[in-house]
């Protein structure tokens, strides 16, 4: 993050600027290819973009760190939530020892996030719901049906999606519903793509009644995915899940057109990235599931040229918006965070 970006956002407090810089550095470290998305945003919006996506990635990583036990991961989520709520309520952080690096990271991210959410008039006291969703998922290893999975999607996937929709400055009342469809599609695609990885972690995000529809059990998936062989029934299940994800993506495909031009190109590129997953999973008779590989993102081989072009297009769009008088909303100036 640059001084100019903070200046354009109107963030002047030295301590808060340091928190935003720390959040951006964290995003660079853990955001993988998504970090490049910041360069598709207007410079004045980048501090908020970096902080929000850093928060989502950070909590995801705390929950998914396979090097830590479930108990330790739950404790780290509790610690971050405690820090966040103290800052959100304007309470002093008390400690009888110098803050560790992880505690410093927790506090800096929490302060920047509270400020981001309050700047955009978002329900900052609902953040614990997102953390609670991840905490519950730590000990949920499968979902009996779509209704159970929907509970996960509402808190872990769609709650932050609706917030980022507001930061993207929607121009239409339809934006939120389109956002829900798009982000649901993204999540369902990830569930399909990451089947082997999730099974190795002891998790399955495909509803069990979907498996039963095709005469399959969880043990069948565990045995076949990545084995070099998949049955006709598994092919049918995979296509069924892909069709559900595609239906959601098609329903939400016009979301970018309902957003301010300063956010539009990022979402168009993100949709293109997820669109590219469909043919990869079904080509050569679903060969992907015989030997799964890492996901597709902004820095995947085939996406790099598209990402570079998107950044160039976004630069022009953002310059045009500035010339037309675009100004980011004034930052929150209240007490506390």
Protein backbone atom coordinates (compact mmCIF):
# COMPACT_ATOMS: atom_id res chain seq x y z
CA UNK A 1 0.00 0.00 0.00
CA UNK A 2 1.28 3.44 -0.85
CA UNK A 3 1.11 6.78 0.92
CA UNK A 4 -0.80 8.13 -2.07
CA UNK A 5 -3.50 5.46 -1.73
CA UNK A 6 -4.01 6.33 1.93
CA UNK A 7 -4.06 10.05 1.11
CA UNK A 8 -6.67 9.54 -1.62
CA UNK A 9 -8.80 7.53 0.82
CA UNK A 10 -8.58 10.44 3.27
CA UNK A 11 -7.03 8.28 6.00
CA UNK A 12 -4.77 10.69 7.90
CA UNK A 13 -4.34 9.27 11.41
CA UNK A 14 -0.78 7.92 11.67
CA UNK A 15 -1.71 4.92 13.79
CA UNK A 16 -4.57 3.95 11.53
CA UNK A 17 -2.39 4.36 8.45
CA UNK A 18 0.07 1.92 10.02
CA UNK A 19 -2.77 -0.56 10.62
CA UNK A 20 -3.89 -0.32 7.00
CA UNK A 21 -0.33 -0.82 5.78
CA UNK A 22 0.05 -3.88 8.03
CA UNK A 23 -3.24 -5.29 6.70
CA UNK A 24 -2.11 -4.76 3.11
CA UNK A 25 1.20 -6.48 3.81
CA UNK A 26 -0.71 -9.39 5.34
CA UNK A 27 -2.93 -9.57 2.25
CA UNK A 28 0.15 -9.65 0.01
CA UNK A 29 1.49 -12.55 2.09
CA UNK A 30 -1.63 -14.72 2.31
CA UNK A 31 -3.89 -13.51 -0.51
CA UNK A 32 -2.11 -15.46 -3.22
CA UNK A 33 -3.17 -14.38 -6.72
CA UNK A 34 -6.11 -12.37 -5.44
CA UNK A 35 -3.72 -9.65 -4.26
CA UNK A 36 -3.38 -8.48 -7.86
CA UNK A 37 -7.07 -7.62 -7.78
CA UNK A 38 -6.20 -4.49 -5.80
CA UNK A 39 -4.69 -2.98 -8.93
CA UNK A 40 -8.09 -3.19 -10.60
CA UNK A 41 -9.54 -0.96 -7.87
CA UNK A 42 -9.45 2.82 -7.79
CA UNK A 43 -6.38 3.83 -5.71
CA UNK A 44 -8.63 5.47 -3.12
CA UNK A 45 -10.49 2.19 -2.58
CA UNK A 46 -7.42 -0.04 -2.28
CA UNK A 47 -6.92 0.42 1.50
CA UNK A 48 -10.45 -0.89 2.10
CA UNK A 49 -10.13 -3.65 -0.50
CA UNK A 50 -6.83 -4.86 0.98
CA UNK A 51 -8.13 -4.83 4.53
CA UNK A 52 -11.38 -6.62 3.76
CA UNK A 53 -9.82 -9.40 1.73
CA UNK A 54 -6.97 -9.71 4.23
CA UNK A 55 -9.58 -10.29 6.94
CA UNK A 56 -11.43 -12.97 4.95
CA UNK A 57 -8.20 -14.77 3.96
CA UNK A 58 -6.77 -14.51 7.49
CA UNK A 59 -9.79 -16.09 9.17
CA UNK A 60 -9.93 -18.76 6.44
CA UNK A 61 -6.28 -19.58 7.06
CA UNK A 62 -6.69 -19.70 10.84
CA UNK A 63 -9.53 -22.19 10.39
CA UNK A 64 -7.76 -24.29 7.74
CA UNK A 65 -4.21 -24.50 9.15
CA UNK A 66 -3.61 -28.25 9.03
CA UNK A 67 -0.39 -27.80 11.04
CA UNK A 68 -2.49 -26.94 14.09
CA UNK A 69 -4.97 -29.08 15.99
CA UNK A 70 -8.66 -28.25 15.84
CA UNK A 71 -8.48 -27.05 19.46
CA UNK A 72 -5.63 -24.67 18.70
CA UNK A 73 -7.38 -23.32 15.61
CA UNK A 74 -10.55 -22.74 17.64
CA UNK A 75 -8.52 -20.92 20.28
CA UNK A 76 -6.89 -18.68 17.66
CA UNK A 77 -10.32 -17.81 16.26
CA UNK A 78 -11.47 -17.00 19.82
CA UNK A 79 -8.41 -14.80 20.37
CA UNK A 80 -8.96 -12.84 17.17
CA UNK A 81 -12.66 -12.41 17.88
CA UNK A 82 -11.90 -11.18 21.42
CA UNK A 83 -9.42 -8.65 20.06
CA UNK A 84 -11.82 -7.53 17.36
CA UNK A 85 -14.76 -7.02 19.73
CA UNK A 86 -12.63 -5.09 22.22
CA UNK A 87 -11.52 -2.72 19.47
CA UNK A 88 -15.01 -2.48 17.96
CA UNK A 89 -16.43 -1.47 21.35
CA UNK A 90 -13.64 1.04 22.00
CA UNK A 91 -12.18 -0.95 24.88
CA UNK A 92 -8.52 -0.95 25.78
CA UNK A 93 -6.57 -4.08 24.86
CA UNK A 94 -5.12 -5.39 28.09
CA UNK A 95 -2.07 -7.64 28.24
CA UNK A 96 0.36 -8.56 30.99
CA UNK A 97 3.11 -9.22 28.44
CA UNK A 98 4.52 -7.65 25.26
CA UNK A 99 2.28 -8.52 22.32
CA UNK A 100 3.45 -11.45 20.22
CA UNK A 101 3.68 -11.09 16.45
CA UNK A 102 0.35 -12.87 15.99
CA UNK A 103 -1.28 -10.62 18.60
CA UNK A 104 0.07 -7.53 16.85
CA UNK A 105 -1.29 -8.83 13.54
CA UNK A 106 -4.68 -9.55 15.13
CA UNK A 107 -4.90 -6.04 16.55
CA UNK A 108 -3.75 -4.18 13.44
CA UNK A 109 -6.14 -6.09 11.20
CA UNK A 110 -9.01 -5.64 13.66
CA UNK A 111 -8.48 -1.87 13.89
CA UNK A 112 -8.31 -1.46 10.11
CA UNK A 113 -11.36 -3.70 9.63
CA UNK A 114 -13.50 -1.84 12.17
CA UNK A 115 -12.60 1.41 10.44
CA UNK A 116 -13.36 -0.06 7.00
CA UNK A 117 -16.76 -1.37 8.03
CA UNK A 118 -17.74 1.82 9.84
CA UNK A 119 -16.63 3.91 6.87
CA UNK A 120 -18.98 1.93 4.62
CA UNK A 121 -21.84 1.86 7.17
CA UNK A 122 -21.64 -1.91 7.47
CA UNK A 123 -22.73 -3.91 10.57
CA UNK A 124 -19.30 -4.18 12.16
CA UNK A 125 -20.65 -5.95 15.25
CA UNK A 126 -21.77 -8.88 13.08
CA UNK A 127 -18.19 -9.92 12.30
CA UNK A 128 -18.30 -12.57 15.08
CA UNK A 129 -21.03 -14.36 13.09
CA UNK A 130 -18.50 -14.96 10.32
CA UNK A 131 -15.91 -16.18 12.83
CA UNK A 132 -18.50 -18.40 14.52
CA UNK A 133 -19.33 -19.96 11.16
CA UNK A 134 -15.70 -20.95 10.73
CA UNK A 135 -15.51 -22.19 14.32
CA UNK A 136 -18.55 -24.42 13.79
CA UNK A 137 -17.07 -25.75 10.54
CA UNK A 138 -13.98 -26.96 12.43
CA UNK A 139 -16.01 -29.83 13.86
CA UNK A 140 -18.49 -30.30 11.01
CA UNK A 141 -17.18 -32.95 8.66
CA UNK A 142 -20.14 -33.43 6.33
CA UNK A 143 -23.57 -32.01 5.49
CA UNK A 144 -26.65 -34.21 5.22
CA UNK A 145 -28.49 -31.98 2.76
CA UNK A 146 -28.60 -28.59 1.08
CA UNK A 147 -30.36 -27.02 4.06
CA UNK A 148 -27.42 -27.84 6.35
CA UNK A 149 -24.92 -26.62 3.76
CA UNK A 150 -26.89 -23.40 3.31
CA UNK A 151 -26.26 -22.54 6.98
CA UNK A 152 -22.53 -22.69 6.26
CA UNK A 153 -22.88 -20.68 3.06
CA UNK A 154 -24.92 -17.93 4.71
CA UNK A 155 -22.38 -17.20 7.44
CA UNK A 156 -19.01 -18.12 5.95
CA UNK A 157 -19.58 -17.25 2.29
CA UNK A 158 -22.47 -14.85 1.79
CA UNK A 159 -22.20 -12.60 4.84
CA UNK A 160 -18.83 -11.13 3.77
CA UNK A 161 -19.93 -11.17 0.12
CA UNK A 162 -22.84 -8.85 0.88
CA UNK A 163 -20.46 -6.51 2.68
CA UNK A 164 -17.97 -6.34 -0.18
CA UNK A 165 -20.89 -5.67 -2.51
CA UNK A 166 -21.44 -2.43 -0.58
CA UNK A 167 -17.76 -1.48 -0.75
CA UNK A 168 -17.97 -2.01 -4.52
CA UNK A 169 -20.66 0.72 -4.55
CA UNK A 170 -23.71 -0.90 -6.17
CA UNK A 171 -25.72 1.23 -8.58
CA UNK A 172 -28.81 -0.99 -8.55
CA UNK A 173 -31.01 -2.66 -5.95
CA UNK A 174 -30.49 -5.90 -7.89
CA UNK A 175 -26.78 -5.99 -7.01
CA UNK A 176 -27.12 -7.86 -3.72
CA UNK A 177 -29.15 -10.74 -5.17
CA UNK A 178 -26.79 -11.00 -8.14
CA UNK A 179 -23.87 -10.97 -5.71
CA UNK A 180 -25.39 -13.85 -3.75
CA UNK A 181 -25.74 -15.98 -6.87
CA UNK A 182 -22.22 -15.19 -8.09
CA UNK A 183 -20.45 -15.85 -4.80
CA UNK A 184 -22.51 -19.00 -4.17
CA UNK A 185 -21.32 -20.25 -7.56
CA UNK A 186 -17.71 -19.45 -6.68
CA UNK A 187 -17.99 -21.39 -3.42
CA UNK A 188 -19.72 -24.40 -4.99
CA UNK A 189 -17.05 -24.53 -7.70
CA UNK A 190 -14.36 -24.51 -5.05
CA UNK A 191 -16.08 -27.38 -3.24
CA UNK A 192 -15.99 -29.46 -6.43
CA UNK A 193 -12.45 -28.49 -7.41
CA UNK A 194 -11.08 -29.14 -3.91
CA UNK A 195 -12.83 -32.48 -3.37
CA UNK A 196 -9.62 -34.43 -2.89
CA UNK A 197 -8.01 -31.83 -0.66
CA UNK A 198 -11.10 -31.55 1.53
CA UNK A 199 -11.47 -35.33 1.81
CA UNK A 200 -7.85 -35.52 2.94
CA UNK A 201 -8.73 -33.00 5.66
CA UNK A 202 -11.68 -35.16 6.71
CA UNK A 203 -14.31 -32.85 5.20
CA UNK A 204 -16.95 -33.20 2.52
CA UNK A 205 -18.97 -30.22 1.31
CA UNK A 206 -21.16 -32.06 -1.19
CA UNK A 207 -24.47 -32.88 0.57
CA UNK A 208 -24.80 -36.56 1.38
CA UNK A 209 -28.25 -36.74 -0.17
CA UNK A 210 -26.69 -35.63 -3.47
CA UNK A 211 -24.35 -38.62 -3.28
CA UNK A 212 -27.23 -40.95 -2.45
CA UNK A 213 -29.10 -39.74 -5.54
CA UNK A 214 -26.38 -41.40 -7.63
CA UNK A 215 -25.94 -44.46 -5.43
CA UNK A 216 -22.68 -43.20 -3.92
CA UNK A 217 -21.30 -42.96 -0.41
CA UNK A 218 -18.59 -40.80 1.06
CA UNK A 219 -16.32 -43.83 1.08
CA UNK A 220 -16.81 -44.16 -2.69
CA UNK A 221 -15.60 -40.59 -3.22
CA UNK A 222 -12.68 -41.07 -0.88
CA UNK A 223 -11.65 -44.20 -2.76
CA UNK A 224 -12.06 -42.85 -6.30
CA UNK A 225 -11.07 -39.16 -6.32
CA UNK A 226 -7.39 -39.00 -7.20
CA UNK A 227 -7.09 -42.76 -7.74
CA UNK A 228 -6.86 -42.63 -11.52
CA UNK A 229 -10.33 -44.16 -11.85
CA UNK A 230 -13.81 -42.69 -11.52
CA UNK A 231 -17.08 -44.53 -12.02
CA UNK A 232 -19.99 -43.48 -14.20
CA UNK A 233 -21.97 -42.68 -11.07
CA UNK A 234 -19.27 -40.32 -9.86
CA UNK A 235 -19.14 -38.62 -13.26
CA UNK A 236 -22.89 -38.07 -13.04
CA UNK A 237 -22.58 -36.64 -9.52
CA UNK A 238 -19.79 -34.29 -10.57
CA UNK A 239 -21.79 -33.06 -13.56
CA UNK A 240 -24.82 -32.58 -11.31
CA UNK A 241 -22.79 -30.41 -8.93
CA UNK A 242 -21.21 -28.49 -11.81
CA UNK A 243 -24.65 -27.77 -13.26
CA UNK A 244 -25.82 -26.33 -9.93
CA UNK A 245 -22.79 -24.05 -9.75
CA UNK A 246 -23.21 -22.98 -13.37
CA UNK A 247 -26.89 -22.16 -12.79
CA UNK A 248 -25.93 -19.82 -9.94
CA UNK A 249 -23.15 -18.21 -11.95
CA UNK A 250 -25.42 -17.65 -14.94
CA UNK A 251 -28.02 -16.11 -12.62
CA UNK A 252 -25.45 -13.70 -11.18
CA UNK A 253 -23.41 -13.02 -14.29
CA UNK A 254 -24.67 -9.45 -14.68
CA UNK A 255 -23.52 -8.45 -11.17
CA UNK A 256 -20.50 -6.45 -12.44
CA UNK A 257 -22.79 -4.24 -14.54
CA UNK A 258 -24.65 -3.20 -11.36
CA UNK A 259 -21.44 -1.98 -9.68
CA UNK A 260 -19.60 1.32 -9.89
CA UNK A 261 -17.08 1.27 -12.78
CA UNK A 262 -14.21 1.43 -10.25
CA UNK A 263 -15.06 -2.12 -9.09
CA UNK A 264 -16.61 -3.56 -12.23
CA UNK A 265 -13.50 -4.90 -13.98
CA UNK A 266 -12.33 -6.79 -10.88
CA UNK A 267 -15.59 -8.73 -10.71
CA UNK A 268 -15.65 -9.34 -14.46
CA UNK A 269 -12.17 -10.84 -14.18
CA UNK A 270 -13.10 -12.93 -11.15
CA UNK A 271 -16.08 -14.36 -13.03
CA UNK A 272 -13.84 -15.16 -16.02
CA UNK A 273 -11.44 -16.95 -13.67
CA UNK A 274 -14.18 -19.15 -12.26
CA UNK A 275 -15.70 -19.68 -15.70
CA UNK A 276 -12.40 -21.25 -16.76
CA UNK A 277 -12.83 -23.95 -14.11
CA UNK A 278 -15.83 -25.54 -15.84
CA UNK A 279 -14.03 -26.88 -18.94
CA UNK A 280 -11.00 -27.91 -16.89
CA UNK A 281 -13.09 -30.20 -14.72
CA UNK A 282 -15.01 -31.95 -17.48
CA UNK A 283 -12.48 -32.22 -20.30
CA UNK A 284 -11.05 -35.63 -21.27
CA UNK A 285 -13.92 -37.43 -19.56
CA UNK A 286 -13.46 -35.73 -16.15
CA UNK A 287 -9.75 -36.59 -16.07
CA UNK A 288 -9.17 -33.76 -13.58
CA UNK A 289 -10.69 -35.88 -10.81
CA UNK A 290 -8.29 -38.72 -11.49
CA UNK A 291 -5.39 -36.41 -10.62
CA UNK A 292 -6.59 -33.13 -9.05
CA UNK A 293 -4.32 -30.07 -9.01
CA UNK A 294 -4.20 -26.60 -7.48
CA UNK A 295 -6.88 -24.06 -8.17
CA UNK A 296 -7.05 -21.39 -10.83
CA UNK A 297 -6.52 -17.77 -9.78
CA UNK A 298 -5.32 -14.44 -11.17
CA UNK A 299 -1.73 -15.69 -11.47
CA UNK A 300 -2.46 -19.11 -12.98
CA UNK A 301 -0.73 -19.59 -16.33
CA UNK A 302 -3.70 -19.04 -18.60
CA UNK A 303 -5.07 -16.20 -16.45
CA UNK A 304 -1.92 -14.06 -16.30
CA UNK A 305 -2.50 -12.38 -19.71
CA UNK A 306 -6.16 -11.75 -18.81
CA UNK A 307 -5.17 -10.33 -15.43
CA UNK A 308 -2.61 -8.00 -17.01
CA UNK A 309 -5.18 -6.76 -19.54
CA UNK A 310 -7.76 -6.30 -16.80
CA UNK A 311 -5.36 -4.19 -14.74
CA UNK A 312 -4.63 -2.01 -17.78
CA UNK A 313 -8.36 -1.62 -18.52
CA UNK A 314 -9.09 -0.82 -14.89
CA UNK A 315 -6.38 1.84 -14.80
CA UNK A 316 -8.08 3.64 -17.69
CA UNK A 317 -11.53 3.24 -16.14
CA UNK A 318 -10.32 4.57 -12.80
CA UNK A 319 -8.60 7.54 -14.43
CA UNK A 320 -11.79 8.28 -16.33
CA UNK A 321 -13.80 8.08 -13.09
CA UNK A 322 -11.42 10.54 -11.43
CA UNK A 323 -11.73 12.98 -14.31
CA UNK A 324 -15.51 12.66 -14.08
CA UNK A 325 -15.35 13.71 -10.42
CA UNK A 326 -15.37 10.37 -8.59
CA UNK A 327 -14.53 10.67 -4.92
CA UNK A 328 -14.39 7.89 -2.37
CA UNK A 329 -16.73 8.32 0.58
CA UNK A 330 -15.15 10.17 3.54
CA UNK A 331 -13.53 7.85 6.10
CA UNK A 332 -15.09 7.22 9.49
CA UNK A 333 -13.96 9.88 11.97
CA UNK A 334 -15.53 8.60 15.18
CA UNK A 335 -13.81 7.71 18.42
CA UNK A 336 -12.17 4.38 19.07
CA UNK A 337 -11.24 2.41 15.96
